[in-house]
Amino acid sequence: MAPEARVLDLPSMKALNHPLRTQLFNELAAHGPATATNLADRVGESTGSTSYHLRQLEKHGFIEEIVGRGNGRERWWRRTPVAVQTNVADTPAGVAAARLIASGSNDFAEQMIREFIARDQETMSAGWRDAGDLSIAIMRLAPAELTELMDGIHALVDTFRQRHVLDDDSDADTSRVFLRLAAVPIFDDGPGHQGS
């Protein structure tokens, strides 16, 4: 089932804009459930710091505790199954918050791509090595056509997303897969030329 879309309000956007919270959110998205201690080791922070910021992410509905896993001292966290979207508010603070979230998302995407490229291709199975894809397509479209294209892509992605439960690693033939979709106008002659 496709995750429900959640359009962030300004307080939630501000909460996610903290660099460590963004990093923790992305770690849970990319690598699945973890404890504050696991995450502290991954991001090079103290467990106390990661615990505090995980609680802030939970407060704003970005992550949730996995009930029944761990014990009283060891809480397991996972990203909530929602697609996070920003809706640029008509305020300078809203625009700035949306830019910071977009920048953090782009940094995360670049990190995932760099990790794939840097991985020793000889140690990767042939199936995963051949299935991985880094491609670019440049085309000329009207805004309505771009919307139609992205709606079609998202619908196709949703059909694949429904095949497996993201946090269920019992099928050895599956793995988490990072997919990046970016569709933006190309500004040839500075701001205002395209996309207006």
N, C-alpha and C. Protein backbone atom coordinates (compact mmCIF):
# COMPACT_ATOMS: atom_id res chain seq x y z
N MET A 1 0.84 -1.18 0.00
CA MET A 1 0.00 0.00 0.00
C MET A 1 0.88 1.24 0.00
N ALA A 2 0.57 2.20 -0.83
CA ALA A 2 1.35 3.42 -0.92
C ALA A 2 1.20 4.23 0.35
N PRO A 3 2.29 4.84 0.83
CA PRO A 3 2.15 5.66 2.04
C PRO A 3 1.31 6.88 1.75
N GLU A 4 0.57 7.29 2.75
CA GLU A 4 -0.24 8.49 2.59
C GLU A 4 0.68 9.70 2.52
N ALA A 5 0.27 10.70 1.77
CA ALA A 5 1.08 11.91 1.64
C ALA A 5 0.80 12.82 2.82
N ARG A 6 1.84 13.41 3.35
CA ARG A 6 1.70 14.36 4.45
C ARG A 6 2.35 15.66 4.03
N VAL A 7 1.55 16.71 3.94
CA VAL A 7 2.09 18.03 3.63
C VAL A 7 2.46 18.68 4.95
N LEU A 8 3.71 19.09 5.07
CA LEU A 8 4.20 19.61 6.33
C LEU A 8 3.72 21.03 6.59
N ASP A 9 3.35 21.29 7.85
CA ASP A 9 3.07 22.66 8.25
C ASP A 9 4.39 23.29 8.71
N LEU A 10 4.36 24.58 8.95
CA LEU A 10 5.60 25.30 9.28
C LEU A 10 6.28 24.77 10.54
N PRO A 11 5.55 24.50 11.66
CA PRO A 11 6.25 23.95 12.84
C PRO A 11 6.94 22.61 12.55
N SER A 12 6.29 21.74 11.77
CA SER A 12 6.90 20.46 11.43
C SER A 12 8.11 20.65 10.54
N MET A 13 8.01 21.60 9.59
CA MET A 13 9.15 21.88 8.72
C MET A 13 10.32 22.38 9.54
N LYS A 14 10.05 23.24 10.51
CA LYS A 14 11.13 23.76 11.37
C LYS A 14 11.74 22.65 12.21
N ALA A 15 10.90 21.73 12.69
CA ALA A 15 11.41 20.62 13.51
C ALA A 15 12.33 19.72 12.70
N LEU A 16 12.00 19.48 11.45
CA LEU A 16 12.81 18.61 10.61
C LEU A 16 14.07 19.30 10.12
N ASN A 17 14.11 20.62 10.17
CA ASN A 17 15.24 21.36 9.63
C ASN A 17 16.51 21.26 10.47
N HIS A 18 16.43 20.72 11.67
CA HIS A 18 17.64 20.56 12.49
C HIS A 18 18.54 19.54 11.79
N PRO A 19 19.81 19.86 11.59
CA PRO A 19 20.71 18.96 10.82
C PRO A 19 20.77 17.53 11.36
N LEU A 20 20.85 17.36 12.69
CA LEU A 20 20.94 16.02 13.24
C LEU A 20 19.60 15.29 13.07
N ARG A 21 18.49 15.99 13.23
CA ARG A 21 17.18 15.34 13.03
C ARG A 21 17.02 14.88 11.60
N THR A 22 17.44 15.71 10.67
CA THR A 22 17.36 15.32 9.25
C THR A 22 18.22 14.08 9.01
N GLN A 23 19.40 14.05 9.61
CA GLN A 23 20.30 12.91 9.43
C GLN A 23 19.70 11.64 10.04
N LEU A 24 19.11 11.75 11.23
CA LEU A 24 18.48 10.59 11.87
C LEU A 24 17.29 10.10 11.06
N PHE A 25 16.48 11.03 10.59
CA PHE A 25 15.31 10.70 9.76
C PHE A 25 15.75 9.95 8.50
N ASN A 26 16.80 10.45 7.85
CA ASN A 26 17.31 9.81 6.64
C ASN A 26 17.94 8.44 6.92
N GLU A 27 18.63 8.31 8.04
CA GLU A 27 19.21 7.01 8.42
C GLU A 27 18.11 5.96 8.60
N LEU A 28 17.02 6.34 9.27
CA LEU A 28 15.92 5.40 9.47
C LEU A 28 15.24 5.07 8.14
N ALA A 29 15.16 6.06 7.26
CA ALA A 29 14.55 5.81 5.95
C ALA A 29 15.40 4.85 5.13
N ALA A 30 16.70 5.07 5.13
CA ALA A 30 17.60 4.29 4.28
C ALA A 30 17.90 2.91 4.84
N HIS A 31 18.07 2.81 6.15
CA HIS A 31 18.58 1.57 6.73
C HIS A 31 17.58 0.83 7.61
N GLY A 32 16.42 1.41 7.83
CA GLY A 32 15.40 0.73 8.60
C GLY A 32 15.50 0.98 10.10
N PRO A 33 14.70 0.24 10.86
CA PRO A 33 14.60 0.46 12.30
C PRO A 33 15.96 0.39 13.01
N ALA A 34 16.07 1.20 14.06
CA ALA A 34 17.31 1.25 14.83
C ALA A 34 17.02 1.83 16.21
N THR A 35 17.97 1.64 17.11
CA THR A 35 17.89 2.24 18.44
C THR A 35 18.67 3.55 18.45
N ALA A 36 18.49 4.33 19.50
CA ALA A 36 19.26 5.57 19.64
C ALA A 36 20.75 5.27 19.68
N THR A 37 21.12 4.15 20.30
CA THR A 37 22.54 3.76 20.38
C THR A 37 23.09 3.41 19.00
N ASN A 38 22.33 2.61 18.23
CA ASN A 38 22.75 2.29 16.86
C ASN A 38 22.96 3.57 16.05
N LEU A 39 21.99 4.47 16.15
CA LEU A 39 22.05 5.71 15.37
C LEU A 39 23.19 6.60 15.83
N ALA A 40 23.44 6.64 17.14
CA ALA A 40 24.54 7.45 17.66
C ALA A 40 25.86 6.98 17.07
N ASP A 41 26.05 5.66 16.99
CA ASP A 41 27.26 5.11 16.39
C ASP A 41 27.38 5.50 14.91
N ARG A 42 26.26 5.44 14.19
CA ARG A 42 26.27 5.74 12.75
C ARG A 42 26.58 7.20 12.45
N VAL A 43 26.02 8.10 13.27
CA VAL A 43 26.16 9.53 12.95
C VAL A 43 27.22 10.24 13.78
N GLY A 44 27.87 9.50 14.70
CA GLY A 44 28.95 10.10 15.49
C GLY A 44 28.49 11.08 16.55
N GLU A 45 27.36 10.79 17.17
CA GLU A 45 26.82 11.64 18.23
C GLU A 45 26.65 10.81 19.49
N SER A 46 26.35 11.47 20.61
CA SER A 46 26.10 10.75 21.86
C SER A 46 24.70 10.15 21.82
N THR A 47 24.51 9.09 22.58
CA THR A 47 23.20 8.46 22.67
C THR A 47 22.18 9.42 23.25
N GLY A 48 22.60 10.24 24.23
CA GLY A 48 21.70 11.23 24.83
C GLY A 48 21.19 12.22 23.79
N SER A 49 22.07 12.66 22.93
CA SER A 49 21.69 13.61 21.88
C SER A 49 20.74 12.97 20.87
N THR A 50 21.08 11.76 20.43
CA THR A 50 20.20 11.11 19.45
C THR A 50 18.85 10.80 20.08
N SER A 51 18.82 10.39 21.34
CA SER A 51 17.55 10.11 22.02
C SER A 51 16.66 11.35 22.05
N TYR A 52 17.25 12.48 22.41
CA TYR A 52 16.47 13.73 22.47
C TYR A 52 15.88 14.07 21.10
N HIS A 53 16.70 14.01 20.07
CA HIS A 53 16.23 14.39 18.74
C HIS A 53 15.26 13.37 18.16
N LEU A 54 15.40 12.10 18.51
CA LEU A 54 14.42 11.10 18.10
C LEU A 54 13.06 11.40 18.72
N ARG A 55 13.05 11.81 19.99
CA ARG A 55 11.78 12.17 20.64
C ARG A 55 11.14 13.39 19.96
N GLN A 56 11.96 14.33 19.50
CA GLN A 56 11.42 15.49 18.79
C GLN A 56 10.82 15.07 17.45
N LEU A 57 11.48 14.16 16.75
CA LEU A 57 10.94 13.64 15.49
C LEU A 57 9.63 12.89 15.75
N GLU A 58 9.57 12.14 16.85
CA GLU A 58 8.34 11.43 17.19
C GLU A 58 7.21 12.43 17.50
N LYS A 59 7.53 13.47 18.23
CA LYS A 59 6.54 14.49 18.61
C LYS A 59 5.86 15.08 17.37
N HIS A 60 6.60 15.21 16.28
CA HIS A 60 6.06 15.80 15.05
C HIS A 60 5.59 14.75 14.05
N GLY A 61 5.59 13.46 14.46
CA GLY A 61 5.02 12.41 13.63
C GLY A 61 5.90 11.90 12.51
N PHE A 62 7.21 12.19 12.56
CA PHE A 62 8.11 11.72 11.50
C PHE A 62 8.56 10.28 11.73
N ILE A 63 8.66 9.88 13.00
CA ILE A 63 9.07 8.53 13.33
C ILE A 63 8.14 8.00 14.42
N GLU A 64 8.22 6.68 14.66
CA GLU A 64 7.42 6.07 15.71
C GLU A 64 8.22 4.95 16.36
N GLU A 65 7.88 4.68 17.61
CA GLU A 65 8.51 3.57 18.31
C GLU A 65 7.87 2.28 17.82
N ILE A 66 8.68 1.23 17.70
CA ILE A 66 8.17 -0.09 17.35
C ILE A 66 7.78 -0.78 18.65
N VAL A 67 6.49 -0.87 18.88
CA VAL A 67 5.98 -1.46 20.12
C VAL A 67 6.27 -2.95 20.12
N GLY A 68 6.79 -3.44 21.26
CA GLY A 68 7.06 -4.87 21.39
C GLY A 68 8.46 -5.27 20.97
N ARG A 69 9.23 -4.35 20.45
CA ARG A 69 10.61 -4.67 20.08
C ARG A 69 11.53 -3.95 21.06
N GLY A 70 12.49 -4.64 21.58
CA GLY A 70 13.39 -4.03 22.56
C GLY A 70 12.83 -4.15 23.96
N ASN A 71 13.39 -3.37 24.87
CA ASN A 71 12.92 -3.37 26.25
C ASN A 71 12.77 -1.92 26.72
N GLY A 72 12.54 -1.71 27.99
CA GLY A 72 12.32 -0.36 28.51
C GLY A 72 13.45 0.60 28.24
N ARG A 73 14.67 0.09 28.27
CA ARG A 73 15.83 0.97 28.04
C ARG A 73 16.22 1.03 26.58
N GLU A 74 15.83 0.05 25.81
CA GLU A 74 16.21 -0.02 24.40
C GLU A 74 14.96 0.15 23.55
N ARG A 75 14.76 1.36 23.07
CA ARG A 75 13.59 1.64 22.23
C ARG A 75 14.01 1.59 20.77
N TRP A 76 13.23 0.87 19.95
CA TRP A 76 13.48 0.78 18.52
C TRP A 76 12.59 1.77 17.80
N TRP A 77 13.16 2.48 16.84
CA TRP A 77 12.46 3.52 16.10
C TRP A 77 12.41 3.18 14.62
N ARG A 78 11.36 3.64 13.96
CA ARG A 78 11.26 3.52 12.50
C ARG A 78 10.60 4.79 11.97
N ARG A 79 10.87 5.05 10.72
CA ARG A 79 10.23 6.18 10.05
C ARG A 79 8.75 5.84 9.85
N THR A 80 7.88 6.80 10.07
CA THR A 80 6.46 6.55 9.85
C THR A 80 6.21 6.37 8.35
N PRO A 81 5.27 5.50 8.00
CA PRO A 81 5.03 5.22 6.57
C PRO A 81 4.19 6.32 5.91
N VAL A 82 4.78 7.50 5.78
CA VAL A 82 4.12 8.59 5.06
C VAL A 82 5.12 9.21 4.09
N ALA A 83 4.61 9.70 3.00
CA ALA A 83 5.44 10.43 2.04
C ALA A 83 5.41 11.90 2.47
N VAL A 84 6.56 12.44 2.79
CA VAL A 84 6.64 13.81 3.30
C VAL A 84 6.77 14.78 2.13
N GLN A 85 5.91 15.78 2.13
CA GLN A 85 5.94 16.81 1.09
C GLN A 85 5.94 18.18 1.75
N THR A 86 6.60 19.11 1.12
CA THR A 86 6.55 20.48 1.61
C THR A 86 5.60 21.27 0.73
N ASN A 87 4.90 22.18 1.36
CA ASN A 87 4.01 23.08 0.64
C ASN A 87 4.48 24.47 1.00
N VAL A 88 5.18 25.11 0.09
CA VAL A 88 5.82 26.38 0.39
C VAL A 88 4.76 27.39 0.83
N ALA A 89 4.91 27.83 2.04
CA ALA A 89 3.99 28.83 2.58
C ALA A 89 4.28 30.19 1.96
N ASP A 90 3.32 31.08 2.07
CA ASP A 90 3.48 32.42 1.51
C ASP A 90 4.19 33.35 2.48
N THR A 91 5.09 32.80 3.27
CA THR A 91 5.85 33.61 4.21
C THR A 91 7.33 33.37 3.98
N PRO A 92 8.16 34.33 4.29
CA PRO A 92 9.61 34.11 4.15
C PRO A 92 10.09 32.91 4.97
N ALA A 93 9.53 32.71 6.17
CA ALA A 93 9.94 31.58 7.00
C ALA A 93 9.56 30.25 6.35
N GLY A 94 8.38 30.20 5.73
CA GLY A 94 7.94 28.98 5.05
C GLY A 94 8.81 28.66 3.86
N VAL A 95 9.15 29.68 3.08
CA VAL A 95 10.02 29.48 1.91
C VAL A 95 11.39 29.01 2.36
N ALA A 96 11.94 29.65 3.42
CA ALA A 96 13.26 29.27 3.91
C ALA A 96 13.27 27.84 4.44
N ALA A 97 12.21 27.47 5.18
CA ALA A 97 12.14 26.11 5.72
C ALA A 97 12.03 25.08 4.60
N ALA A 98 11.23 25.37 3.59
CA ALA A 98 11.10 24.45 2.46
C ALA A 98 12.42 24.29 1.72
N ARG A 99 13.16 25.38 1.57
CA ARG A 99 14.47 25.31 0.91
C ARG A 99 15.44 24.44 1.69
N LEU A 100 15.44 24.60 3.02
CA LEU A 100 16.35 23.81 3.84
C LEU A 100 16.01 22.32 3.77
N ILE A 101 14.72 21.99 3.78
CA ILE A 101 14.32 20.59 3.67
C ILE A 101 14.72 20.03 2.31
N ALA A 102 14.49 20.81 1.26
CA ALA A 102 14.88 20.36 -0.08
C ALA A 102 16.38 20.17 -0.18
N SER A 103 17.14 21.08 0.42
CA SER A 103 18.60 20.97 0.41
C SER A 103 19.06 19.72 1.16
N GLY A 104 18.46 19.46 2.32
CA GLY A 104 18.81 18.26 3.09
C GLY A 104 18.45 16.99 2.34
N SER A 105 17.32 17.00 1.67
CA SER A 105 16.90 15.85 0.87
C SER A 105 17.87 15.61 -0.27
N ASN A 106 18.31 16.68 -0.91
CA ASN A 106 19.27 16.56 -2.00
C ASN A 106 20.61 16.04 -1.49
N ASP A 107 21.06 16.54 -0.34
CA ASP A 107 22.32 16.06 0.24
C ASP A 107 22.25 14.56 0.51
N PHE A 108 21.10 14.12 1.06
CA PHE A 108 20.91 12.70 1.34
C PHE A 108 20.95 11.88 0.05
N ALA A 109 20.27 12.37 -0.98
CA ALA A 109 20.24 11.66 -2.26
C ALA A 109 21.65 11.56 -2.84
N GLU A 110 22.40 12.64 -2.78
CA GLU A 110 23.78 12.62 -3.28
C GLU A 110 24.63 11.63 -2.50
N GLN A 111 24.43 11.55 -1.19
CA GLN A 111 25.18 10.60 -0.37
C GLN A 111 24.87 9.17 -0.79
N MET A 112 23.60 8.86 -1.01
CA MET A 112 23.22 7.50 -1.40
C MET A 112 23.85 7.14 -2.75
N ILE A 113 23.86 8.07 -3.67
CA ILE A 113 24.46 7.83 -4.99
C ILE A 113 25.97 7.65 -4.87
N ARG A 114 26.63 8.51 -4.07
CA ARG A 114 28.08 8.39 -3.88
C ARG A 114 28.43 7.03 -3.27
N GLU A 115 27.62 6.56 -2.30
CA GLU A 115 27.88 5.27 -1.68
C GLU A 115 27.75 4.13 -2.69
N PHE A 116 26.78 4.21 -3.59
CA PHE A 116 26.62 3.18 -4.62
C PHE A 116 27.83 3.18 -5.56
N ILE A 117 28.23 4.36 -6.00
CA ILE A 117 29.35 4.46 -6.94
C ILE A 117 30.65 3.98 -6.29
N ALA A 118 30.85 4.31 -5.01
CA ALA A 118 32.09 3.97 -4.32
C ALA A 118 32.16 2.49 -3.93
N ARG A 119 31.03 1.83 -3.88
CA ARG A 119 31.01 0.42 -3.46
C ARG A 119 31.84 -0.42 -4.41
N ASP A 120 32.55 -1.37 -3.85
CA ASP A 120 33.35 -2.29 -4.64
C ASP A 120 32.39 -3.14 -5.48
N GLN A 121 32.35 -2.88 -6.77
CA GLN A 121 31.41 -3.55 -7.66
C GLN A 121 31.63 -5.06 -7.71
N GLU A 122 32.85 -5.50 -7.41
CA GLU A 122 33.14 -6.93 -7.43
C GLU A 122 32.46 -7.67 -6.29
N THR A 123 32.18 -6.98 -5.17
CA THR A 123 31.55 -7.64 -4.04
C THR A 123 30.03 -7.61 -4.13
N MET A 124 29.49 -6.86 -5.06
CA MET A 124 28.04 -6.76 -5.24
C MET A 124 27.59 -7.90 -6.15
N SER A 125 26.44 -8.48 -5.85
CA SER A 125 25.96 -9.57 -6.70
C SER A 125 25.70 -9.02 -8.11
N ALA A 126 25.84 -9.89 -9.09
CA ALA A 126 25.63 -9.46 -10.48
C ALA A 126 24.22 -8.93 -10.68
N GLY A 127 23.25 -9.55 -10.01
CA GLY A 127 21.87 -9.09 -10.14
C GLY A 127 21.68 -7.66 -9.69
N TRP A 128 22.24 -7.32 -8.51
CA TRP A 128 22.11 -5.95 -8.00
C TRP A 128 22.99 -4.99 -8.79
N ARG A 129 24.16 -5.45 -9.19
CA ARG A 129 25.06 -4.59 -9.98
C ARG A 129 24.40 -4.21 -11.30
N ASP A 130 23.76 -5.17 -11.96
CA ASP A 130 23.12 -4.90 -13.25
C ASP A 130 21.81 -4.13 -13.10
N ALA A 131 21.13 -4.32 -11.97
CA ALA A 131 19.84 -3.66 -11.76
C ALA A 131 20.02 -2.18 -11.39
N GLY A 132 21.13 -1.85 -10.74
CA GLY A 132 21.37 -0.45 -10.37
C GLY A 132 21.42 0.44 -11.60
N ASP A 133 20.89 1.62 -11.47
CA ASP A 133 20.78 2.49 -12.65
C ASP A 133 20.97 3.95 -12.25
N LEU A 134 21.84 4.62 -12.93
CA LEU A 134 22.00 6.06 -12.79
C LEU A 134 21.82 6.65 -14.17
N SER A 135 20.69 7.30 -14.41
CA SER A 135 20.43 7.81 -15.74
C SER A 135 19.81 9.20 -15.66
N ILE A 136 19.92 9.91 -16.74
CA ILE A 136 19.37 11.26 -16.86
C ILE A 136 18.60 11.34 -18.16
N ALA A 137 17.47 12.02 -18.13
CA ALA A 137 16.71 12.28 -19.34
C ALA A 137 16.38 13.77 -19.37
N ILE A 138 16.70 14.42 -20.46
CA ILE A 138 16.36 15.83 -20.63
C ILE A 138 15.40 15.92 -21.80
N MET A 139 14.29 16.58 -21.56
CA MET A 139 13.25 16.67 -22.59
C MET A 139 12.58 18.03 -22.51
N ARG A 140 11.77 18.34 -23.50
CA ARG A 140 11.01 19.58 -23.51
C ARG A 140 9.55 19.25 -23.23
N LEU A 141 8.98 19.84 -22.16
CA LEU A 141 7.61 19.57 -21.75
C LEU A 141 6.93 20.86 -21.30
N ALA A 142 5.63 20.86 -21.37
CA ALA A 142 4.82 21.93 -20.77
C ALA A 142 4.58 21.55 -19.31
N PRO A 143 4.25 22.50 -18.44
CA PRO A 143 4.00 22.15 -17.03
C PRO A 143 2.97 21.04 -16.86
N ALA A 144 1.89 21.07 -17.61
CA ALA A 144 0.86 20.03 -17.50
C ALA A 144 1.42 18.66 -17.89
N GLU A 145 2.31 18.63 -18.89
CA GLU A 145 2.93 17.36 -19.30
C GLU A 145 3.87 16.83 -18.23
N LEU A 146 4.61 17.73 -17.59
CA LEU A 146 5.51 17.32 -16.51
C LEU A 146 4.69 16.75 -15.35
N THR A 147 3.58 17.38 -15.02
CA THR A 147 2.70 16.86 -13.98
C THR A 147 2.18 15.48 -14.37
N GLU A 148 1.76 15.31 -15.62
CA GLU A 148 1.27 14.02 -16.11
C GLU A 148 2.36 12.95 -16.01
N LEU A 149 3.58 13.30 -16.41
CA LEU A 149 4.70 12.37 -16.35
C LEU A 149 4.97 11.93 -14.91
N MET A 150 5.06 12.90 -14.01
CA MET A 150 5.38 12.56 -12.62
C MET A 150 4.25 11.79 -11.95
N ASP A 151 3.00 12.12 -12.26
CA ASP A 151 1.87 11.35 -11.72
C ASP A 151 1.96 9.89 -12.17
N GLY A 152 2.31 9.67 -13.44
CA GLY A 152 2.45 8.32 -13.96
C GLY A 152 3.60 7.57 -13.30
N ILE A 153 4.72 8.25 -13.11
CA ILE A 153 5.87 7.62 -12.46
C ILE A 153 5.53 7.26 -11.03
N HIS A 154 4.91 8.18 -10.30
CA HIS A 154 4.55 7.90 -8.90
C HIS A 154 3.54 6.75 -8.80
N ALA A 155 2.60 6.67 -9.74
CA ALA A 155 1.64 5.56 -9.74
C ALA A 155 2.37 4.24 -9.95
N LEU A 156 3.33 4.21 -10.86
CA LEU A 156 4.11 3.00 -11.10
C LEU A 156 4.94 2.63 -9.87
N VAL A 157 5.58 3.61 -9.27
CA VAL A 157 6.37 3.36 -8.05
C VAL A 157 5.47 2.77 -6.97
N ASP A 158 4.27 3.30 -6.83
CA ASP A 158 3.35 2.80 -5.80
C ASP A 158 3.00 1.33 -6.01
N THR A 159 2.87 0.89 -7.26
CA THR A 159 2.56 -0.52 -7.50
C THR A 159 3.71 -1.42 -7.02
N PHE A 160 4.94 -0.98 -7.17
CA PHE A 160 6.08 -1.76 -6.69
C PHE A 160 6.21 -1.66 -5.17
N ARG A 161 5.92 -0.49 -4.61
CA ARG A 161 6.02 -0.28 -3.16
C ARG A 161 5.07 -1.24 -2.43
N GLN A 162 3.95 -1.58 -3.04
CA GLN A 162 2.96 -2.43 -2.40
C GLN A 162 3.35 -3.91 -2.38
N ARG A 163 4.37 -4.30 -3.10
CA ARG A 163 4.75 -5.71 -3.19
C ARG A 163 5.40 -6.25 -1.92
N HIS A 164 6.10 -5.41 -1.18
CA HIS A 164 6.84 -5.86 0.00
C HIS A 164 6.66 -4.85 1.13
N VAL A 165 6.68 -5.35 2.36
CA VAL A 165 6.66 -4.49 3.55
C VAL A 165 8.09 -3.99 3.75
N LEU A 166 8.26 -2.69 3.83
CA LEU A 166 9.60 -2.08 3.85
C LEU A 166 10.47 -2.63 4.97
N ASP A 167 9.93 -2.80 6.16
CA ASP A 167 10.75 -3.23 7.30
C ASP A 167 10.81 -4.75 7.47
N ASP A 168 10.25 -5.52 6.53
CA ASP A 168 10.28 -6.98 6.60
C ASP A 168 11.47 -7.48 5.77
N ASP A 169 12.50 -7.93 6.48
CA ASP A 169 13.71 -8.39 5.78
C ASP A 169 13.79 -9.92 5.72
N SER A 170 12.64 -10.59 5.82
CA SER A 170 12.64 -12.06 5.82
C SER A 170 12.88 -12.66 4.43
N ASP A 171 12.67 -11.90 3.36
CA ASP A 171 12.92 -12.39 2.00
C ASP A 171 14.34 -11.99 1.59
N ALA A 172 15.24 -12.97 1.56
CA ALA A 172 16.65 -12.70 1.28
C ALA A 172 16.89 -12.15 -0.13
N ASP A 173 15.92 -12.33 -1.03
CA ASP A 173 16.09 -11.82 -2.40
C ASP A 173 15.77 -10.33 -2.52
N THR A 174 15.22 -9.72 -1.46
CA THR A 174 14.88 -8.30 -1.53
C THR A 174 15.87 -7.48 -0.70
N SER A 175 15.96 -6.24 -1.03
CA SER A 175 16.79 -5.29 -0.29
C SER A 175 16.12 -3.93 -0.38
N ARG A 176 16.44 -3.04 0.55
CA ARG A 176 15.96 -1.67 0.42
C ARG A 176 16.57 -1.08 -0.84
N VAL A 177 15.78 -0.32 -1.56
CA VAL A 177 16.23 0.30 -2.80
C VAL A 177 15.98 1.80 -2.73
N PHE A 178 16.98 2.57 -3.07
CA PHE A 178 16.87 4.02 -3.11
C PHE A 178 16.51 4.42 -4.54
N LEU A 179 15.43 5.17 -4.68
CA LEU A 179 15.00 5.66 -5.99
C LEU A 179 14.92 7.17 -5.91
N ARG A 180 15.56 7.82 -6.84
CA ARG A 180 15.54 9.28 -6.85
C ARG A 180 14.80 9.76 -8.09
N LEU A 181 13.80 10.58 -7.86
CA LEU A 181 13.07 11.22 -8.95
C LEU A 181 13.22 12.72 -8.79
N ALA A 182 13.68 13.35 -9.80
CA ALA A 182 13.78 14.81 -9.78
C ALA A 182 13.30 15.30 -11.13
N ALA A 183 12.39 16.23 -11.11
CA ALA A 183 11.86 16.79 -12.36
C ALA A 183 11.70 18.30 -12.17
N VAL A 184 12.62 19.03 -12.75
CA VAL A 184 12.60 20.49 -12.60
C VAL A 184 12.90 21.14 -13.93
N PRO A 185 12.40 22.36 -14.13
CA PRO A 185 12.73 23.06 -15.37
C PRO A 185 14.20 23.46 -15.40
N ILE A 186 14.74 23.56 -16.58
CA ILE A 186 16.12 24.02 -16.76
C ILE A 186 16.07 25.51 -17.06
N PHE A 187 16.76 26.29 -16.26
CA PHE A 187 16.76 27.74 -16.44
C PHE A 187 17.95 28.13 -17.31
N ASP A 188 17.69 28.38 -18.58
CA ASP A 188 18.76 28.70 -19.52
C ASP A 188 19.28 30.13 -19.39
N ASP A 189 18.38 31.06 -19.15
CA ASP A 189 18.77 32.48 -19.14
C ASP A 189 18.49 33.14 -17.81
N GLY A 190 18.73 32.45 -16.73
CA GLY A 190 18.52 33.05 -15.42
C GLY A 190 17.09 32.91 -14.95
N PRO A 191 16.84 33.34 -13.70
CA PRO A 191 15.52 33.22 -13.11
C PRO A 191 14.45 33.92 -13.95
N GLY A 192 13.33 33.28 -14.06
CA GLY A 192 12.21 33.89 -14.76
C GLY A 192 12.07 33.46 -16.19
N HIS A 193 13.14 32.93 -16.80
CA HIS A 193 13.06 32.53 -18.21
C HIS A 193 12.19 31.29 -18.38
N GLN A 194 12.47 30.25 -17.59
CA GLN A 194 11.70 29.02 -17.65
C GLN A 194 10.81 28.95 -16.40
N GLY A 195 9.82 28.14 -16.46
CA GLY A 195 8.98 27.88 -15.29
C GLY A 195 8.08 29.03 -14.90
N SER A 196 7.98 30.04 -15.73
CA SER A 196 7.14 31.18 -15.36
C SER A 196 5.78 31.06 -15.98
